[in-house]
Structures are given as C-alpha cells and as structure tokens.
Amino acid sequence: MPSGVQKRIILFYLGGVINAFLGAYVLVEGVTFLERGTATWLIVFFCAFAVVDFWFAHALKKRWHEEAARQAAAGAEKQP
C-alpha cells in the first residue's frame, strides 16, 4: 500500500477516535455546562463525524485492495 494512502487511512481513523472521544465527553460532562439541546446536537455531530471518518477509512482501504486485485488480474492475463 502506498504511504500516502496508508497515511490518509490512519488520519481518518485518528479523526474518528477523536470525534468519538469528544462525543463521549460531551455526553458525560456536557450537560453540566451546556443546555440539554446544545449538548444533544454536539453529541450527534461528533458521533456522526466519527462514523463518517471510520467509513472513509474503510472505503479507502477497500478501494485500494480492489484496485490491487484488478491490476494483479490484468498482469496475470498478459503473461503467457
């Protein structure tokens, strides 16, 4: 896997973990200093972006593996 793709996948996973942590923090401590509606929207926001970050990392990894398999199959067809 090229280092650029691998770095991007790692950064998406890191972003997902950070967003999940922030969502959990607002869930536990947010109601003490925020209104309930504001805390709820922040939790939804952080958790939604955590899901998107994990999905993007998975999609990048899947697309790279599919492309590598396609190139390997094309290379195998060219060789006698």
N, C-alpha and C. Protein backbone atom coordinates (compact mmCIF):
# COMPACT_ATOMS: atom_id res chain seq x y z
N MET A 1 0.85 -1.18 0.00
CA MET A 1 0.00 0.00 0.00
C MET A 1 0.90 1.24 0.00
N PRO A 2 0.64 2.18 -0.90
CA PRO A 2 1.45 3.40 -0.93
C PRO A 2 1.37 4.17 0.39
N SER A 3 2.44 4.84 0.73
CA SER A 3 2.48 5.53 2.02
C SER A 3 1.46 6.66 2.11
N GLY A 4 1.15 7.31 0.98
CA GLY A 4 0.16 8.38 1.00
C GLY A 4 -1.22 7.87 1.36
N VAL A 5 -1.60 6.72 0.79
CA VAL A 5 -2.91 6.13 1.08
C VAL A 5 -2.94 5.63 2.52
N GLN A 6 -1.87 5.01 2.94
CA GLN A 6 -1.80 4.49 4.31
C GLN A 6 -1.88 5.63 5.32
N LYS A 7 -1.20 6.73 5.04
CA LYS A 7 -1.23 7.88 5.94
C LYS A 7 -2.64 8.47 6.01
N ARG A 8 -3.31 8.55 4.86
CA ARG A 8 -4.67 9.08 4.84
C ARG A 8 -5.62 8.20 5.64
N ILE A 9 -5.48 6.88 5.52
CA ILE A 9 -6.32 5.95 6.27
C ILE A 9 -6.09 6.11 7.76
N ILE A 10 -4.84 6.21 8.16
CA ILE A 10 -4.52 6.38 9.58
C ILE A 10 -5.10 7.69 10.10
N LEU A 11 -5.02 8.76 9.31
CA LEU A 11 -5.57 10.04 9.75
C LEU A 11 -7.09 9.99 9.88
N PHE A 12 -7.76 9.27 8.98
CA PHE A 12 -9.21 9.12 9.12
C PHE A 12 -9.56 8.35 10.39
N TYR A 13 -8.82 7.28 10.68
CA TYR A 13 -9.06 6.54 11.92
C TYR A 13 -8.80 7.43 13.15
N LEU A 14 -7.72 8.21 13.11
CA LEU A 14 -7.42 9.11 14.22
C LEU A 14 -8.53 10.14 14.40
N GLY A 15 -9.00 10.71 13.30
CA GLY A 15 -10.10 11.66 13.37
C GLY A 15 -11.36 11.03 13.94
N GLY A 16 -11.63 9.79 13.57
CA GLY A 16 -12.79 9.08 14.11
C GLY A 16 -12.69 8.85 15.61
N VAL A 17 -11.50 8.49 16.06
CA VAL A 17 -11.30 8.27 17.50
C VAL A 17 -11.46 9.58 18.26
N ILE A 18 -10.89 10.65 17.73
CA ILE A 18 -11.01 11.96 18.39
C ILE A 18 -12.47 12.40 18.45
N ASN A 19 -13.19 12.27 17.35
CA ASN A 19 -14.60 12.65 17.34
C ASN A 19 -15.42 11.80 18.29
N ALA A 20 -15.15 10.50 18.34
CA ALA A 20 -15.87 9.63 19.28
C ALA A 20 -15.56 10.03 20.72
N PHE A 21 -14.29 10.33 21.01
CA PHE A 21 -13.92 10.77 22.35
C PHE A 21 -14.63 12.07 22.73
N LEU A 22 -14.65 13.03 21.80
CA LEU A 22 -15.32 14.30 22.09
C LEU A 22 -16.82 14.11 22.29
N GLY A 23 -17.42 13.23 21.49
CA GLY A 23 -18.84 12.92 21.67
C GLY A 23 -19.11 12.30 23.03
N ALA A 24 -18.25 11.39 23.45
CA ALA A 24 -18.40 10.76 24.77
C ALA A 24 -18.20 11.78 25.88
N TYR A 25 -17.25 12.69 25.70
CA TYR A 25 -17.01 13.72 26.70
C TYR A 25 -18.23 14.63 26.86
N VAL A 26 -18.80 15.05 25.75
CA VAL A 26 -19.98 15.91 25.82
C VAL A 26 -21.15 15.13 26.42
N LEU A 27 -21.24 13.84 26.14
CA LEU A 27 -22.30 13.02 26.71
C LEU A 27 -22.19 12.96 28.23
N VAL A 28 -20.96 12.81 28.73
CA VAL A 28 -20.76 12.67 30.18
C VAL A 28 -20.74 14.02 30.89
N GLU A 29 -19.99 14.97 30.38
CA GLU A 29 -19.77 16.23 31.09
C GLU A 29 -20.49 17.43 30.48
N GLY A 30 -21.01 17.29 29.28
CA GLY A 30 -21.56 18.44 28.58
C GLY A 30 -22.79 19.05 29.21
N VAL A 31 -23.64 18.22 29.82
CA VAL A 31 -24.88 18.75 30.38
C VAL A 31 -24.64 19.62 31.62
N THR A 32 -23.44 19.55 32.18
CA THR A 32 -23.16 20.38 33.35
C THR A 32 -22.91 21.84 32.97
N PHE A 33 -22.43 22.10 31.75
CA PHE A 33 -22.14 23.48 31.37
C PHE A 33 -22.81 23.90 30.07
N LEU A 34 -23.61 23.02 29.46
CA LEU A 34 -24.35 23.36 28.24
C LEU A 34 -25.83 23.07 28.45
N GLU A 35 -26.64 23.73 27.64
CA GLU A 35 -28.06 23.37 27.66
C GLU A 35 -28.23 21.98 27.07
N ARG A 36 -29.30 21.32 27.44
CA ARG A 36 -29.52 19.94 27.02
C ARG A 36 -29.62 19.83 25.49
N GLY A 37 -30.30 20.75 24.85
CA GLY A 37 -30.43 20.72 23.40
C GLY A 37 -29.09 20.90 22.69
N THR A 38 -28.29 21.82 23.20
CA THR A 38 -26.97 22.07 22.62
C THR A 38 -26.08 20.84 22.79
N ALA A 39 -26.12 20.24 23.97
CA ALA A 39 -25.31 19.05 24.22
C ALA A 39 -25.75 17.90 23.31
N THR A 40 -27.04 17.75 23.11
CA THR A 40 -27.55 16.69 22.24
C THR A 40 -27.05 16.89 20.81
N TRP A 41 -27.13 18.12 20.30
CA TRP A 41 -26.67 18.38 18.94
C TRP A 41 -25.17 18.16 18.80
N LEU A 42 -24.41 18.53 19.81
CA LEU A 42 -22.96 18.28 19.76
C LEU A 42 -22.64 16.79 19.76
N ILE A 43 -23.38 16.03 20.56
CA ILE A 43 -23.17 14.57 20.59
C ILE A 43 -23.48 13.97 19.23
N VAL A 44 -24.60 14.37 18.64
CA VAL A 44 -24.97 13.87 17.32
C VAL A 44 -23.91 14.25 16.29
N PHE A 45 -23.45 15.49 16.35
CA PHE A 45 -22.44 16.00 15.42
C PHE A 45 -21.15 15.18 15.51
N PHE A 46 -20.62 15.03 16.72
CA PHE A 46 -19.36 14.32 16.90
C PHE A 46 -19.48 12.84 16.53
N CYS A 47 -20.58 12.21 16.93
CA CYS A 47 -20.74 10.79 16.61
C CYS A 47 -20.95 10.57 15.12
N ALA A 48 -21.68 11.47 14.46
CA ALA A 48 -21.87 11.35 13.01
C ALA A 48 -20.54 11.48 12.28
N PHE A 49 -19.71 12.43 12.68
CA PHE A 49 -18.43 12.58 12.03
C PHE A 49 -17.49 11.43 12.36
N ALA A 50 -17.62 10.83 13.53
CA ALA A 50 -16.81 9.65 13.85
C ALA A 50 -17.18 8.51 12.90
N VAL A 51 -18.48 8.32 12.69
CA VAL A 51 -18.93 7.27 11.77
C VAL A 51 -18.42 7.54 10.36
N VAL A 52 -18.51 8.79 9.91
CA VAL A 52 -18.05 9.15 8.57
C VAL A 52 -16.54 8.92 8.44
N ASP A 53 -15.78 9.28 9.46
CA ASP A 53 -14.33 9.06 9.41
C ASP A 53 -13.98 7.58 9.31
N PHE A 54 -14.63 6.74 10.11
CA PHE A 54 -14.36 5.31 10.05
C PHE A 54 -14.81 4.73 8.72
N TRP A 55 -15.92 5.22 8.18
CA TRP A 55 -16.40 4.72 6.90
C TRP A 55 -15.44 5.10 5.77
N PHE A 56 -14.94 6.34 5.77
CA PHE A 56 -13.99 6.77 4.75
C PHE A 56 -12.72 5.92 4.79
N ALA A 57 -12.22 5.65 5.99
CA ALA A 57 -11.01 4.81 6.10
C ALA A 57 -11.28 3.42 5.53
N HIS A 58 -12.43 2.86 5.86
CA HIS A 58 -12.79 1.54 5.34
C HIS A 58 -12.94 1.56 3.83
N ALA A 59 -13.59 2.59 3.29
CA ALA A 59 -13.80 2.70 1.85
C ALA A 59 -12.47 2.87 1.10
N LEU A 60 -11.55 3.66 1.65
CA LEU A 60 -10.24 3.82 1.02
C LEU A 60 -9.48 2.50 0.98
N LYS A 61 -9.50 1.79 2.09
CA LYS A 61 -8.80 0.51 2.17
C LYS A 61 -9.42 -0.49 1.20
N LYS A 62 -10.74 -0.53 1.14
CA LYS A 62 -11.43 -1.46 0.25
C LYS A 62 -11.13 -1.12 -1.22
N ARG A 63 -11.19 0.17 -1.56
CA ARG A 63 -10.92 0.58 -2.94
C ARG A 63 -9.48 0.25 -3.34
N TRP A 64 -8.54 0.44 -2.42
CA TRP A 64 -7.15 0.14 -2.75
C TRP A 64 -6.97 -1.36 -2.99
N HIS A 65 -7.58 -2.20 -2.14
CA HIS A 65 -7.46 -3.64 -2.32
C HIS A 65 -8.12 -4.09 -3.63
N GLU A 66 -9.25 -3.51 -3.98
CA GLU A 66 -9.91 -3.85 -5.24
C GLU A 66 -9.04 -3.47 -6.43
N GLU A 67 -8.44 -2.29 -6.36
CA GLU A 67 -7.58 -1.84 -7.45
C GLU A 67 -6.33 -2.72 -7.57
N ALA A 68 -5.75 -3.12 -6.45
CA ALA A 68 -4.58 -4.00 -6.47
C ALA A 68 -4.94 -5.37 -7.05
N ALA A 69 -6.12 -5.88 -6.71
CA ALA A 69 -6.56 -7.17 -7.26
C ALA A 69 -6.81 -7.05 -8.76
N ARG A 70 -7.39 -5.92 -9.18
CA ARG A 70 -7.65 -5.71 -10.61
C ARG A 70 -6.34 -5.64 -11.38
N GLN A 71 -5.36 -4.95 -10.84
CA GLN A 71 -4.06 -4.85 -11.52
C GLN A 71 -3.35 -6.20 -11.54
N ALA A 72 -3.47 -6.97 -10.47
CA ALA A 72 -2.85 -8.30 -10.44
C ALA A 72 -3.50 -9.21 -11.47
N ALA A 73 -4.83 -9.13 -11.60
CA ALA A 73 -5.53 -9.96 -12.58
C ALA A 73 -5.15 -9.55 -14.00
N ALA A 74 -5.02 -8.25 -14.25
CA ALA A 74 -4.62 -7.77 -15.57
C ALA A 74 -3.19 -8.20 -15.88
N GLY A 75 -2.33 -8.19 -14.90
CA GLY A 75 -0.95 -8.62 -15.08
C GLY A 75 -0.85 -10.12 -15.34
N ALA A 76 -1.70 -10.89 -14.69
CA ALA A 76 -1.70 -12.35 -14.88
C ALA A 76 -2.23 -12.72 -16.27
N GLU A 77 -3.15 -11.92 -16.80
CA GLU A 77 -3.69 -12.20 -18.14
C GLU A 77 -2.66 -11.92 -19.22
N LYS A 78 -1.78 -10.93 -19.02
CA LYS A 78 -0.79 -10.56 -20.01
C LYS A 78 0.33 -11.58 -20.11
N GLN A 79 0.64 -12.26 -19.02
CA GLN A 79 1.73 -13.24 -19.02
C GLN A 79 1.23 -14.56 -19.61
N PRO A 80 2.04 -15.18 -20.50
CA PRO A 80 1.59 -16.46 -21.11
C PRO A 80 1.73 -17.63 -20.18
